Amino acid sequence: APNIVHVERELDVEPHDFRLWVTLHEETHRTQFTAVPWLRDHLEGEIQSFLAETDVDPMTVLERVREAAQSLAGGRPEAEEDDGGRSLVELVQTPAQREVLGRLTAVMSLLEGHADFVMDGVGPAVVPSVGEIREKFQQRRAKGASRLDLALRKLLGLDAKLRQYRDGERFVRAVVEECGMDGFNRVWTSPNTLPTKSEIAKPADWIARVHRKPEA
């Protein structure tokens, strides 16, 4: 609650409308997990798989941290290409963990993007100042941070959260525009119809895979 009050004052928006707008996002998440019976177990299974692959050897972890820090902060221009733009947190993970994390990232991008899509779909009849709120909120997200802040976000992987909102919302919007809401809702059919990390970036690939017509 203090964070919500802080942001609404920073943006200078109508408190009731802003709180309702944020609540819609959280209620969308509640609906996702109550309306899709298998979703909670699927996510918990992926998290357990991630934890099972944890490398507890401290010397190995220390070596990975050292190499990751050098690649990110050692002044090598090719470092970004070598590590694929990964954060320090990702670089110290095992290959198996990165694979699981890729699937988790795709699911979280879907869930966050879908919630953002619902927020944007709410009209003035429900939240009278929704247009002003969205505009100011987008400006806040896009507002440039200090170089130090950006470096820390990158190093710790915190910038990934903002990408989940952006990329997930683009995925949902593209699929709804192409297939309608009923077509998009096929995403909730089973774990096999969830988008992959690459499909989040390329919605047409998900549409082709999930909505392809069976061969004669």
Protein backbone atom coordinates (compact mmCIF):
# COMPACT_ATOMS: atom_id res chain seq x y z
CA ALA A 1 0.00 0.00 0.00
CA PRO A 2 2.73 2.58 0.74
CA ASN A 3 4.27 1.95 -2.69
CA ILE A 4 0.92 2.52 -4.41
CA VAL A 5 0.34 5.77 -2.53
CA HIS A 6 3.87 6.92 -3.34
CA VAL A 7 3.42 6.31 -7.09
CA GLU A 8 -0.04 7.85 -7.31
CA ARG A 9 1.30 11.01 -5.65
CA GLU A 10 4.36 11.03 -7.86
CA LEU A 11 2.16 10.76 -10.96
CA ASP A 12 -0.43 13.20 -9.57
CA VAL A 13 -3.38 10.99 -10.55
CA GLU A 14 -6.81 10.46 -9.00
CA PRO A 15 -6.25 8.04 -6.08
CA HIS A 16 -9.48 6.02 -6.40
CA ASP A 17 -9.01 5.48 -10.12
CA PHE A 18 -5.34 4.56 -9.77
CA ARG A 19 -5.96 2.05 -6.99
CA LEU A 20 -8.79 0.44 -8.95
CA TRP A 21 -6.56 0.29 -12.03
CA VAL A 22 -3.79 -1.47 -10.09
CA THR A 23 -6.33 -3.79 -8.46
CA LEU A 24 -7.54 -4.88 -11.90
CA HIS A 25 -4.01 -6.05 -12.69
CA GLU A 26 -3.84 -8.14 -9.51
CA GLU A 27 -7.36 -9.48 -9.96
CA THR A 28 -6.38 -10.64 -13.44
CA HIS A 29 -3.59 -12.69 -11.87
CA ARG A 30 -6.07 -14.18 -9.38
CA THR A 31 -8.40 -15.09 -12.22
CA GLN A 32 -5.56 -16.67 -14.20
CA PHE A 33 -4.74 -19.07 -11.37
CA THR A 34 -8.33 -19.86 -10.37
CA ALA A 35 -9.66 -20.31 -13.92
CA VAL A 36 -6.73 -22.43 -15.15
CA PRO A 37 -6.55 -25.42 -12.78
CA TRP A 38 -3.19 -26.75 -13.97
CA LEU A 39 -1.31 -23.44 -13.99
CA ARG A 40 -0.26 -23.34 -10.33
CA ASP A 41 1.05 -26.92 -10.34
CA HIS A 42 2.88 -26.30 -13.61
CA LEU A 43 4.69 -23.26 -12.25
CA GLU A 44 5.53 -25.00 -8.98
CA GLY A 45 6.93 -27.93 -10.94
CA GLU A 46 9.15 -25.65 -13.00
CA ILE A 47 10.40 -23.92 -9.85
CA GLN A 48 11.19 -27.28 -8.24
CA SER A 49 13.10 -28.30 -11.37
CA PHE A 50 15.08 -25.07 -11.17
CA LEU A 51 15.95 -25.61 -7.52
CA ALA A 52 16.91 -29.25 -8.12
CA GLU A 53 19.59 -28.08 -10.53
CA THR A 54 21.17 -25.69 -8.01
CA ASP A 55 24.93 -26.00 -7.89
CA VAL A 56 25.90 -25.94 -4.23
CA ASP A 57 29.66 -26.18 -4.75
CA PRO A 58 30.84 -22.78 -3.41
CA MET A 59 34.08 -22.82 -5.41
CA THR A 60 32.20 -23.41 -8.65
CA VAL A 61 29.77 -20.61 -7.86
CA LEU A 62 32.63 -18.28 -6.91
CA GLU A 63 34.39 -19.01 -10.20
CA ARG A 64 31.22 -18.31 -12.17
CA VAL A 65 30.68 -15.04 -10.31
CA ARG A 66 34.26 -13.98 -11.05
CA GLU A 67 33.98 -14.80 -14.76
CA ALA A 68 30.55 -13.19 -15.03
CA ALA A 69 31.69 -10.00 -13.33
CA GLN A 70 34.71 -9.78 -15.63
CA SER A 71 32.59 -10.27 -18.75
CA LEU A 72 30.08 -7.62 -17.65
CA ALA A 73 32.41 -5.06 -16.15
CA GLY A 74 35.80 -5.82 -17.65
CA GLY A 75 35.46 -3.35 -20.48
CA ARG A 76 35.23 -5.98 -23.23
CA PRO A 77 32.95 -4.70 -26.01
CA GLU A 78 32.25 -8.26 -27.09
CA ALA A 79 31.03 -9.25 -23.62
CA GLU A 80 27.44 -8.36 -24.43
CA GLU A 81 27.52 -10.68 -27.44
CA ASP A 82 29.35 -13.45 -25.60
CA ASP A 83 26.83 -13.68 -22.76
CA GLY A 84 23.78 -12.96 -24.88
CA GLY A 85 22.90 -9.93 -22.80
CA ARG A 86 22.43 -12.01 -19.66
CA SER A 87 22.66 -10.60 -16.16
CA LEU A 88 25.11 -11.65 -13.49
CA VAL A 89 22.36 -13.69 -11.85
CA GLU A 90 21.79 -15.64 -15.07
CA LEU A 91 25.47 -16.12 -15.77
CA VAL A 92 26.08 -17.99 -12.51
CA GLN A 93 23.30 -20.47 -13.23
CA THR A 94 23.82 -23.92 -14.68
CA PRO A 95 22.81 -24.60 -18.31
CA ALA A 96 19.88 -26.69 -17.05
CA GLN A 97 18.72 -23.84 -14.85
CA ARG A 98 18.87 -21.39 -17.76
CA GLU A 99 16.65 -23.72 -19.78
CA VAL A 100 14.07 -23.86 -16.99
CA LEU A 101 14.36 -20.11 -16.44
CA GLY A 102 13.63 -19.53 -20.12
CA ARG A 103 10.33 -21.38 -19.77
CA LEU A 104 9.50 -19.55 -16.55
CA THR A 105 10.30 -16.20 -18.16
CA ALA A 106 7.91 -16.99 -21.01
CA VAL A 107 5.10 -17.88 -18.61
CA MET A 108 5.65 -14.82 -16.45
CA SER A 109 5.77 -12.59 -19.54
CA LEU A 110 2.43 -14.05 -20.61
CA LEU A 111 0.83 -13.53 -17.20
CA GLU A 112 2.13 -9.98 -16.75
CA GLY A 113 1.37 -9.01 -20.34
CA HIS A 114 -2.15 -10.39 -20.12
CA ALA A 115 -2.77 -8.42 -16.92
CA ASP A 116 -1.45 -5.24 -18.58
CA PHE A 117 -3.67 -5.91 -21.62
CA VAL A 118 -6.72 -6.18 -19.35
CA MET A 119 -5.77 -2.93 -17.60
CA ASP A 120 -5.49 -1.16 -20.94
CA GLY A 121 -8.82 -2.62 -22.07
CA VAL A 122 -10.74 -1.03 -19.22
CA GLY A 123 -12.72 1.98 -20.42
CA PRO A 124 -13.54 5.35 -18.85
CA ALA A 125 -16.88 3.94 -17.68
CA VAL A 126 -14.96 1.82 -15.14
CA VAL A 127 -11.89 3.99 -14.50
CA PRO A 128 -12.74 7.55 -15.64
CA SER A 129 -9.14 8.76 -15.80
CA VAL A 130 -7.66 5.57 -17.29
CA GLY A 131 -6.20 7.41 -20.29
CA GLU A 132 -4.29 9.87 -18.12
CA ILE A 133 -3.11 7.12 -15.76
CA ARG A 134 -1.78 4.92 -18.56
CA GLU A 135 0.01 7.82 -20.26
CA LYS A 136 1.71 8.96 -17.06
CA PHE A 137 2.55 5.42 -16.01
CA GLN A 138 4.15 4.64 -19.38
CA GLN A 139 6.19 7.83 -19.14
CA ARG A 140 7.36 6.77 -15.68
CA ARG A 141 8.44 3.33 -16.95
CA ALA A 142 10.27 4.84 -19.88
CA LYS A 143 11.90 7.63 -17.90
CA GLY A 144 15.63 7.33 -18.03
CA ALA A 145 17.37 6.27 -14.84
CA SER A 146 20.89 7.11 -13.81
CA ARG A 147 23.75 5.19 -15.42
CA LEU A 148 24.48 3.55 -12.07
CA ASP A 149 20.86 2.50 -11.64
CA LEU A 150 20.74 1.05 -15.15
CA ALA A 151 24.00 -0.83 -14.56
CA LEU A 152 22.71 -2.34 -11.32
CA ARG A 153 19.42 -3.33 -12.94
CA LYS A 154 21.33 -5.09 -15.69
CA LEU A 155 23.78 -6.72 -13.31
CA LEU A 156 21.05 -8.10 -11.05
CA GLY A 157 18.54 -8.87 -13.78
CA LEU A 158 15.97 -6.38 -12.51
CA ASP A 159 15.44 -4.97 -16.00
CA ALA A 160 13.99 -8.33 -17.01
CA LYS A 161 10.82 -7.56 -15.03
CA LEU A 162 10.08 -4.48 -17.12
CA ARG A 163 10.70 -6.47 -20.30
CA GLN A 164 8.12 -9.04 -19.15
CA TYR A 165 5.40 -6.39 -19.02
CA ARG A 166 6.37 -4.92 -22.38
CA ASP A 167 7.00 -8.10 -24.35
CA GLY A 168 4.10 -10.00 -22.81
CA GLU A 169 1.62 -7.24 -23.55
CA ARG A 170 2.81 -7.05 -27.16
CA PHE A 171 2.36 -10.82 -27.49
CA VAL A 172 -1.18 -10.75 -26.12
CA ARG A 173 -2.20 -7.77 -28.23
CA ALA A 174 -0.77 -9.29 -31.43
CA VAL A 175 -2.53 -12.63 -30.88
CA VAL A 176 -5.86 -11.01 -29.99
CA GLU A 177 -5.69 -8.81 -33.09
CA GLU A 178 -4.98 -11.85 -35.28
CA CYS A 179 -7.14 -14.53 -33.64
CA GLY A 180 -9.60 -12.72 -31.38
CA MET A 181 -9.92 -13.26 -27.64
CA ASP A 182 -11.23 -16.82 -28.08
CA GLY A 183 -8.20 -17.61 -30.20
CA PHE A 184 -5.86 -16.12 -27.61
CA ASN A 185 -7.53 -18.06 -24.80
CA ARG A 186 -6.26 -21.31 -26.31
CA VAL A 187 -3.04 -20.36 -24.52
CA TRP A 188 -4.66 -21.67 -21.30
CA THR A 189 -5.46 -25.13 -22.74
CA SER A 190 -2.39 -26.96 -21.40
CA PRO A 191 1.34 -26.45 -20.73
CA ASN A 192 1.91 -27.39 -24.39
CA THR A 193 -0.02 -24.33 -25.58
CA LEU A 194 1.95 -21.87 -23.46
CA PRO A 195 4.24 -19.69 -25.57
CA THR A 196 7.96 -20.31 -25.50
CA LYS A 197 10.39 -17.51 -24.80
CA SER A 198 11.08 -17.09 -28.52
CA GLU A 199 7.33 -17.14 -29.32
CA ILE A 200 6.75 -14.29 -26.87
CA ALA A 201 8.99 -12.22 -29.14
CA LYS A 202 7.41 -13.68 -32.31
CA PRO A 203 3.65 -14.14 -31.74
CA ALA A 204 3.18 -15.34 -35.32
CA ASP A 205 5.20 -18.46 -34.48
CA TRP A 206 2.86 -19.29 -31.58
CA ILE A 207 -0.17 -18.70 -33.79
CA ALA A 208 1.27 -20.98 -36.46
CA ARG A 209 2.01 -23.74 -33.92
CA VAL A 210 -1.19 -23.63 -31.87
CA HIS A 211 -3.68 -22.65 -34.58
CA ARG A 212 -2.25 -24.61 -37.48
CA LYS A 213 -4.81 -26.66 -39.37
CA PRO A 214 -4.38 -30.44 -39.26
CA GLU A 215 -3.07 -31.98 -42.44
CA ALA A 216 -5.65 -33.65 -44.65
